[in-house]
Amino acid sequence: MNDRSPPEEFADINEAVGEEWESETTPYERIRHVIAHTYSPVSADTVADDARTTPKTARKHLNTLADEGFVETTPGEQGGTLYRRSPESLVVEQAADILEHVSTDELVTRIQEMREQLTKYQAEFGVDSPEDLAVNQTNQALSKSGSPQDKIDPETIREWKTLRRNLAFANAALSIGNAEQFVDSDRRSTDDSVPV
């Protein structure tokens, strides 16, 4: 067994990395980074601790991010405001990422394939959603009327939920892509009609 302690310069690597992060970024950048990975409501104090800044600074930047739609606010139990990343900002980010890597034609094809798979799940299990499937399975287990072959693999429910989420992201990407094409074509037609 090795009972040597690490060299002093490596004793607190987390603190050294934190100090480097703090010196190379602004409080706004650190707060945005922290809240970008925050999906459950937290206080400004919690964000401030993680972002290595003061609660007052965190609150100021969190409110700015809320005005921009990146952050969602909710009232806390003690009257304070709680913050988390807004689900809408995540959808927009995912949609932009999809548009960066997938052509519109390929996206349309993938959306059609996902819709077909969703229809297959609905037909196979006789329910409209994975939540309905889980409820049916629970009810069968409680009544003990289901046979062992009626038991659905939890992985199937997860795949169905993931497919539905991916379809929502793909539809959002397609909508954004179509809106961008519309704006671009409208801009070109406006530019063409302006006399020189």
C-alpha atoms as a PDB file:
ATOM      1  CA  MET A   1       0.000   0.000   0.000  1.00  0.00           C
ATOM      2  CA  ASN A   2       1.326   3.433  -0.924  1.00  0.00           C
ATOM      3  CA  ASP A   3       1.076   5.985   1.893  1.00  0.00           C
ATOM      4  CA  ARG A   4       2.893   8.808   0.132  1.00  0.00           C
ATOM      5  CA  SER A   5       0.887  12.032  -0.085  1.00  0.00           C
ATOM      6  CA  PRO A   6       0.670  13.917  -3.376  1.00  0.00           C
ATOM      7  CA  PRO A   7       3.036  16.815  -3.950  1.00  0.00           C
ATOM      8  CA  GLU A   8       1.821  20.101  -2.460  1.00  0.00           C
ATOM      9  CA  GLU A   9       1.167  21.724  -5.841  1.00  0.00           C
ATOM     10  CA  PHE A  10      -1.404  18.985  -6.578  1.00  0.00           C
ATOM     11  CA  ALA A  11      -3.025  18.976  -3.137  1.00  0.00           C
ATOM     12  CA  ASP A  12      -6.065  20.895  -4.319  1.00  0.00           C
ATOM     13  CA  ILE A  13      -6.311  20.656  -8.084  1.00  0.00           C
ATOM     14  CA  ASN A  14      -9.994  21.630  -8.023  1.00  0.00           C
ATOM     15  CA  GLU A  15      -9.166  24.941  -6.380  1.00  0.00           C
ATOM     16  CA  ALA A  16      -6.410  25.643  -8.913  1.00  0.00           C
ATOM     17  CA  VAL A  17      -8.733  24.872 -11.833  1.00  0.00           C
ATOM     18  CA  GLY A  18     -11.458  27.002 -10.247  1.00  0.00           C
ATOM     19  CA  GLU A  19      -9.087  29.932  -9.851  1.00  0.00           C
ATOM     20  CA  GLU A  20      -7.970  29.587 -13.472  1.00  0.00           C
ATOM     21  CA  TRP A  21     -11.616  29.474 -14.642  1.00  0.00           C
ATOM     22  CA  GLU A  22     -12.358  32.570 -12.581  1.00  0.00           C
ATOM     23  CA  SER A  23      -9.379  34.488 -13.991  1.00  0.00           C
ATOM     24  CA  GLU A  24     -10.164  33.573 -17.621  1.00  0.00           C
ATOM     25  CA  THR A  25     -13.920  34.247 -17.644  1.00  0.00           C
ATOM     26  CA  THR A  26     -16.359  36.949 -16.628  1.00  0.00           C
ATOM     27  CA  PRO A  27     -18.959  36.401 -13.895  1.00  0.00           C
ATOM     28  CA  TYR A  28     -21.655  36.451 -16.607  1.00  0.00           C
ATOM     29  CA  GLU A  29     -19.922  33.656 -18.553  1.00  0.00           C
ATOM     30  CA  ARG A  30     -19.536  31.524 -15.425  1.00  0.00           C
ATOM     31  CA  ILE A  31     -23.152  32.065 -14.371  1.00  0.00           C
ATOM     32  CA  ARG A  32     -24.407  31.205 -17.861  1.00  0.00           C
ATOM     33  CA  HIS A  33     -22.253  28.051 -17.841  1.00  0.00           C
ATOM     34  CA  VAL A  34     -23.566  26.971 -14.435  1.00  0.00           C
ATOM     35  CA  ILE A  35     -27.231  27.618 -15.254  1.00  0.00           C
ATOM     36  CA  ALA A  36     -26.863  25.904 -18.645  1.00  0.00           C
ATOM     37  CA  HIS A  37     -26.439  22.669 -16.669  1.00  0.00           C
ATOM     38  CA  THR A  38     -29.107  23.399 -14.027  1.00  0.00           C
ATOM     39  CA  TYR A  39     -32.424  21.657 -14.653  1.00  0.00           C
ATOM     40  CA  SER A  40     -33.871  21.760 -11.123  1.00  0.00           C
ATOM     41  CA  PRO A  41     -34.693  25.127  -9.528  1.00  0.00           C
ATOM     42  CA  VAL A  42     -31.864  26.533  -7.364  1.00  0.00           C
ATOM     43  CA  SER A  43     -31.251  29.774  -5.516  1.00  0.00           C
ATOM     44  CA  ALA A  44     -29.039  32.604  -6.734  1.00  0.00           C
ATOM     45  CA  ASP A  45     -26.748  31.790  -3.778  1.00  0.00           C
ATOM     46  CA  THR A  46     -26.224  28.259  -5.085  1.00  0.00           C
ATOM     47  CA  VAL A  47     -25.453  29.531  -8.594  1.00  0.00           C
ATOM     48  CA  ALA A  48     -23.118  32.164  -7.110  1.00  0.00           C
ATOM     49  CA  ASP A  49     -21.165  29.518  -5.183  1.00  0.00           C
ATOM     50  CA  ASP A  50     -20.771  27.330  -8.264  1.00  0.00           C
ATOM     51  CA  ALA A  51     -19.906  30.319 -10.483  1.00  0.00           C
ATOM     52  CA  ARG A  52     -17.409  31.741  -7.970  1.00  0.00           C
ATOM     53  CA  THR A  53     -19.137  35.103  -7.649  1.00  0.00           C
ATOM     54  CA  THR A  54     -21.406  36.994  -5.249  1.00  0.00           C
ATOM     55  CA  PRO A  55     -25.139  36.320  -4.880  1.00  0.00           C
ATOM     56  CA  LYS A  56     -25.893  39.933  -5.921  1.00  0.00           C
ATOM     57  CA  THR A  57     -23.921  39.502  -9.161  1.00  0.00           C
ATOM     58  CA  ALA A  58     -25.508  36.104  -9.780  1.00  0.00           C
ATOM     59  CA  ARG A  59     -29.009  37.504  -9.262  1.00  0.00           C
ATOM     60  CA  LYS A  60     -28.320  40.384 -11.694  1.00  0.00           C
ATOM     61  CA  HIS A  61     -27.078  38.083 -14.458  1.00  0.00           C
ATOM     62  CA  LEU A  62     -29.732  35.421 -13.800  1.00  0.00           C
ATOM     63  CA  ASN A  63     -32.447  38.048 -14.191  1.00  0.00           C
ATOM     64  CA  THR A  64     -30.871  39.178 -17.471  1.00  0.00           C
ATOM     65  CA  LEU A  65     -30.795  35.559 -18.661  1.00  0.00           C
ATOM     66  CA  ALA A  66     -34.442  35.185 -17.602  1.00  0.00           C
ATOM     67  CA  ASP A  67     -35.368  38.269 -19.661  1.00  0.00           C
ATOM     68  CA  GLU A  68     -33.620  36.642 -22.641  1.00  0.00           C
ATOM     69  CA  GLY A  69     -35.581  33.398 -22.146  1.00  0.00           C
ATOM     70  CA  PHE A  70     -32.534  31.291 -21.241  1.00  0.00           C
ATOM     71  CA  VAL A  71     -33.565  30.971 -17.573  1.00  0.00           C
ATOM     72  CA  GLU A  72     -36.917  30.141 -16.025  1.00  0.00           C
ATOM     73  CA  THR A  73     -37.810  31.527 -12.597  1.00  0.00           C
ATOM     74  CA  THR A  74     -40.122  30.137  -9.930  1.00  0.00           C
ATOM     75  CA  PRO A  75     -40.952  31.406  -6.448  1.00  0.00           C
ATOM     76  CA  GLY A  76     -39.183  29.542  -3.659  1.00  0.00           C
ATOM     77  CA  GLU A  77     -40.819  28.267  -0.472  1.00  0.00           C
ATOM     78  CA  GLN A  78     -39.332  31.109   1.590  1.00  0.00           C
ATOM     79  CA  GLY A  79     -40.294  33.836  -0.893  1.00  0.00           C
ATOM     80  CA  GLY A  80     -37.000  33.966  -2.803  1.00  0.00           C
ATOM     81  CA  THR A  81     -36.666  33.340  -6.513  1.00  0.00           C
ATOM     82  CA  LEU A  82     -35.358  30.035  -7.829  1.00  0.00           C
ATOM     83  CA  TYR A  83     -33.674  29.658 -11.203  1.00  0.00           C
ATOM     84  CA  ARG A  84     -33.182  26.870 -13.733  1.00  0.00           C
ATOM     85  CA  ARG A  85     -32.458  26.555 -17.423  1.00  0.00           C
ATOM     86  CA  SER A  86     -35.608  27.023 -19.461  1.00  0.00           C
ATOM     87  CA  PRO A  87     -36.725  23.974 -21.420  1.00  0.00           C
ATOM     88  CA  GLU A  88     -37.323  26.208 -24.461  1.00  0.00           C
ATOM     89  CA  SER A  89     -33.668  27.284 -24.563  1.00  0.00           C
ATOM     90  CA  LEU A  90     -32.613  23.652 -24.542  1.00  0.00           C
ATOM     91  CA  VAL A  91     -34.924  22.879 -27.480  1.00  0.00           C
ATOM     92  CA  VAL A  92     -33.561  25.825 -29.470  1.00  0.00           C
ATOM     93  CA  GLU A  93     -29.979  24.747 -28.719  1.00  0.00           C
ATOM     94  CA  GLN A  94     -30.683  21.162 -29.768  1.00  0.00           C
ATOM     95  CA  ALA A  95     -32.483  22.328 -32.909  1.00  0.00           C
ATOM     96  CA  ALA A  96     -29.561  24.567 -33.887  1.00  0.00           C
ATOM     97  CA  ASP A  97     -27.167  21.662 -33.371  1.00  0.00           C
ATOM     98  CA  ILE A  98     -29.301  19.416 -35.577  1.00  0.00           C
ATOM     99  CA  LEU A  99     -29.445  22.061 -38.322  1.00  0.00           C
ATOM    100  CA  GLU A 100     -25.672  22.377 -38.220  1.00  0.00           C
ATOM    101  CA  HIS A 101     -25.176  18.650 -38.884  1.00  0.00           C
ATOM    102  CA  VAL A 102     -28.182  17.505 -40.937  1.00  0.00           C
ATOM    103  CA  SER A 103     -29.554  18.782 -44.244  1.00  0.00           C
ATOM    104  CA  THR A 104     -33.228  19.730 -44.479  1.00  0.00           C
ATOM    105  CA  ASP A 105     -33.943  16.839 -46.855  1.00  0.00           C
ATOM    106  CA  GLU A 106     -32.306  14.333 -44.523  1.00  0.00           C
ATOM    107  CA  LEU A 107     -34.172  15.854 -41.573  1.00  0.00           C
ATOM    108  CA  VAL A 108     -37.525  15.426 -43.353  1.00  0.00           C
ATOM    109  CA  THR A 109     -36.651  11.766 -44.034  1.00  0.00           C
ATOM    110  CA  ARG A 110     -35.653  11.149 -40.405  1.00  0.00           C
ATOM    111  CA  ILE A 111     -38.836  12.796 -39.115  1.00  0.00           C
ATOM    112  CA  GLN A 112     -40.929  10.520 -41.332  1.00  0.00           C
ATOM    113  CA  GLU A 113     -39.031   7.453 -40.070  1.00  0.00           C
ATOM    114  CA  MET A 114     -39.536   8.501 -36.436  1.00  0.00           C
ATOM    115  CA  ARG A 115     -43.266   9.072 -36.998  1.00  0.00           C
ATOM    116  CA  GLU A 116     -43.561   5.617 -38.537  1.00  0.00           C
ATOM    117  CA  GLN A 117     -41.779   4.063 -35.543  1.00  0.00           C
ATOM    118  CA  LEU A 118     -44.104   5.905 -33.129  1.00  0.00           C
ATOM    119  CA  THR A 119     -47.115   4.574 -35.062  1.00  0.00           C
ATOM    120  CA  LYS A 120     -45.655   1.034 -34.788  1.00  0.00           C
ATOM    121  CA  TYR A 121     -45.272   1.374 -31.012  1.00  0.00           C
ATOM    122  CA  GLN A 122     -48.866   2.607 -30.695  1.00  0.00           C
ATOM    123  CA  ALA A 123     -50.200  -0.254 -32.812  1.00  0.00           C
ATOM    124  CA  GLU A 124     -48.071  -2.917 -31.128  1.00  0.00           C
ATOM    125  CA  PHE A 125     -48.996  -1.957 -27.567  1.00  0.00           C
ATOM    126  CA  GLY A 126     -52.490  -0.535 -28.167  1.00  0.00           C
ATOM    127  CA  VAL A 127     -51.790   2.739 -26.347  1.00  0.00           C
ATOM    128  CA  ASP A 128     -50.948   6.281 -27.431  1.00  0.00           C
ATOM    129  CA  SER A 129     -47.884   6.935 -25.279  1.00  0.00           C
ATOM    130  CA  PRO A 130     -45.151   5.245 -23.259  1.00  0.00           C
ATOM    131  CA  GLU A 131     -46.738   6.710 -20.116  1.00  0.00           C
ATOM    132  CA  ASP A 132     -50.012   4.928 -20.938  1.00  0.00           C
ATOM    133  CA  LEU A 133     -48.049   1.722 -21.482  1.00  0.00           C
ATOM    134  CA  ALA A 134     -46.367   2.056 -18.091  1.00  0.00           C
ATOM    135  CA  VAL A 135     -49.730   2.719 -16.381  1.00  0.00           C
ATOM    136  CA  ASN A 136     -51.302  -0.318 -18.074  1.00  0.00           C
ATOM    137  CA  GLN A 137     -48.382  -2.479 -17.034  1.00  0.00           C
ATOM    138  CA  THR A 138     -48.615  -1.241 -13.429  1.00  0.00           C
ATOM    139  CA  ASN A 139     -52.356  -1.845 -13.341  1.00  0.00           C
ATOM    140  CA  GLN A 140     -51.882  -5.380 -14.663  1.00  0.00           C
ATOM    141  CA  ALA A 141     -49.229  -6.061 -12.038  1.00  0.00           C
ATOM    142  CA  LEU A 142     -51.500  -4.763  -9.267  1.00  0.00           C
ATOM    143  CA  SER A 143     -54.433  -6.855 -10.428  1.00  0.00           C
ATOM    144  CA  LYS A 144     -52.081  -9.787 -11.151  1.00  0.00           C
ATOM    145  CA  SER A 145     -54.089 -10.443 -14.289  1.00  0.00           C
ATOM    146  CA  GLY A 146     -51.175 -10.024 -16.629  1.00  0.00           C
ATOM    147  CA  SER A 147     -49.209 -13.015 -17.766  1.00  0.00           C
ATOM    148  CA  PRO A 148     -45.376 -13.000 -17.619  1.00  0.00           C
ATOM    149  CA  GLN A 149     -45.195 -12.443 -21.383  1.00  0.00           C
ATOM    150  CA  ASP A 150     -47.271  -9.241 -20.936  1.00  0.00           C
ATOM    151  CA  LYS A 151     -44.360  -7.678 -19.064  1.00  0.00           C
ATOM    152  CA  ILE A 152     -42.817  -4.893 -21.160  1.00  0.00           C
ATOM    153  CA  ASP A 153     -39.085  -4.375 -21.078  1.00  0.00           C
ATOM    154  CA  PRO A 154     -38.337  -0.991 -19.411  1.00  0.00           C
ATOM    155  CA  GLU A 155     -35.862  -0.378 -22.244  1.00  0.00           C
ATOM    156  CA  THR A 156     -38.780  -0.318 -24.710  1.00  0.00           C
ATOM    157  CA  ILE A 157     -40.487   2.420 -22.691  1.00  0.00           C
ATOM    158  CA  ARG A 158     -37.216   4.397 -22.573  1.00  0.00           C
ATOM    159  CA  GLU A 159     -36.701   3.993 -26.331  1.00  0.00           C
ATOM    160  CA  TRP A 160     -40.246   5.181 -27.001  1.00  0.00           C
ATOM    161  CA  LYS A 161     -39.762   8.260 -24.794  1.00  0.00           C
ATOM    162  CA  THR A 162     -36.404   9.004 -26.418  1.00  0.00           C
ATOM    163  CA  LEU A 163     -37.895   8.629 -29.892  1.00  0.00           C
ATOM    164  CA  ARG A 164     -40.693  11.034 -29.001  1.00  0.00           C
ATOM    165  CA  ARG A 165     -38.206  13.569 -27.577  1.00  0.00           C
ATOM    166  CA  ASN A 166     -35.966  13.275 -30.645  1.00  0.00           C
ATOM    167  CA  LEU A 167     -38.960  13.797 -32.912  1.00  0.00           C
ATOM    168  CA  ALA A 168     -39.832  16.983 -31.007  1.00  0.00           C
ATOM    169  CA  PHE A 169     -36.252  18.262 -31.424  1.00  0.00           C
ATOM    170  CA  ALA A 170     -36.248  17.346 -35.130  1.00  0.00           C
ATOM    171  CA  ASN A 171     -39.587  19.090 -35.694  1.00  0.00           C
ATOM    172  CA  ALA A 172     -38.277  22.195 -33.912  1.00  0.00           C
ATOM    173  CA  ALA A 173     -35.134  22.133 -36.072  1.00  0.00           C
ATOM    174  CA  LEU A 174     -37.205  21.795 -39.224  1.00  0.00           C
ATOM    175  CA  SER A 175     -39.432  24.696 -38.157  1.00  0.00           C
ATOM    176  CA  ILE A 176     -36.426  26.896 -37.407  1.00  0.00           C
ATOM    177  CA  GLY A 177     -34.756  25.877 -40.658  1.00  0.00           C
ATOM    178  CA  ASN A 178     -37.889  26.667 -42.653  1.00  0.00           C
ATOM    179  CA  ALA A 179     -38.255  30.017 -40.864  1.00  0.00           C
ATOM    180  CA  GLU A 180     -34.642  30.882 -41.688  1.00  0.00           C
ATOM    181  CA  GLN A 181     -35.198  29.977 -45.353  1.00  0.00           C
ATOM    182  CA  PHE A 182     -38.347  32.110 -45.412  1.00  0.00           C
ATOM    183  CA  VAL A 183     -36.536  35.088 -43.861  1.00  0.00           C
ATOM    184  CA  ASP A 184     -33.608  34.688 -46.266  1.00  0.00           C
ATOM    185  CA  SER A 185     -35.882  34.493 -49.338  1.00  0.00           C
ATOM    186  CA  ASP A 186     -37.965  37.411 -48.077  1.00  0.00           C
ATOM    187  CA  ARG A 187     -34.785  39.430 -47.509  1.00  0.00           C
ATOM    188  CA  ARG A 188     -33.561  38.617 -51.043  1.00  0.00           C
ATOM    189  CA  SER A 189     -36.881  39.602 -52.628  1.00  0.00           C
ATOM    190  CA  THR A 190     -36.905  42.849 -50.633  1.00  0.00           C
ATOM    191  CA  ASP A 191     -33.313  43.565 -51.610  1.00  0.00           C
ATOM    192  CA  ASP A 192     -34.174  42.894 -55.274  1.00  0.00           C
ATOM    193  CA  SER A 193     -37.089  45.303 -55.219  1.00  0.00           C
ATOM    194  CA  VAL A 194     -35.120  48.240 -53.799  1.00  0.00           C
ATOM    195  CA  PRO A 195     -34.032  50.573 -56.604  1.00  0.00           C
ATOM    196  CA  VAL A 196     -30.317  51.242 -56.859  1.00  0.00           C
END
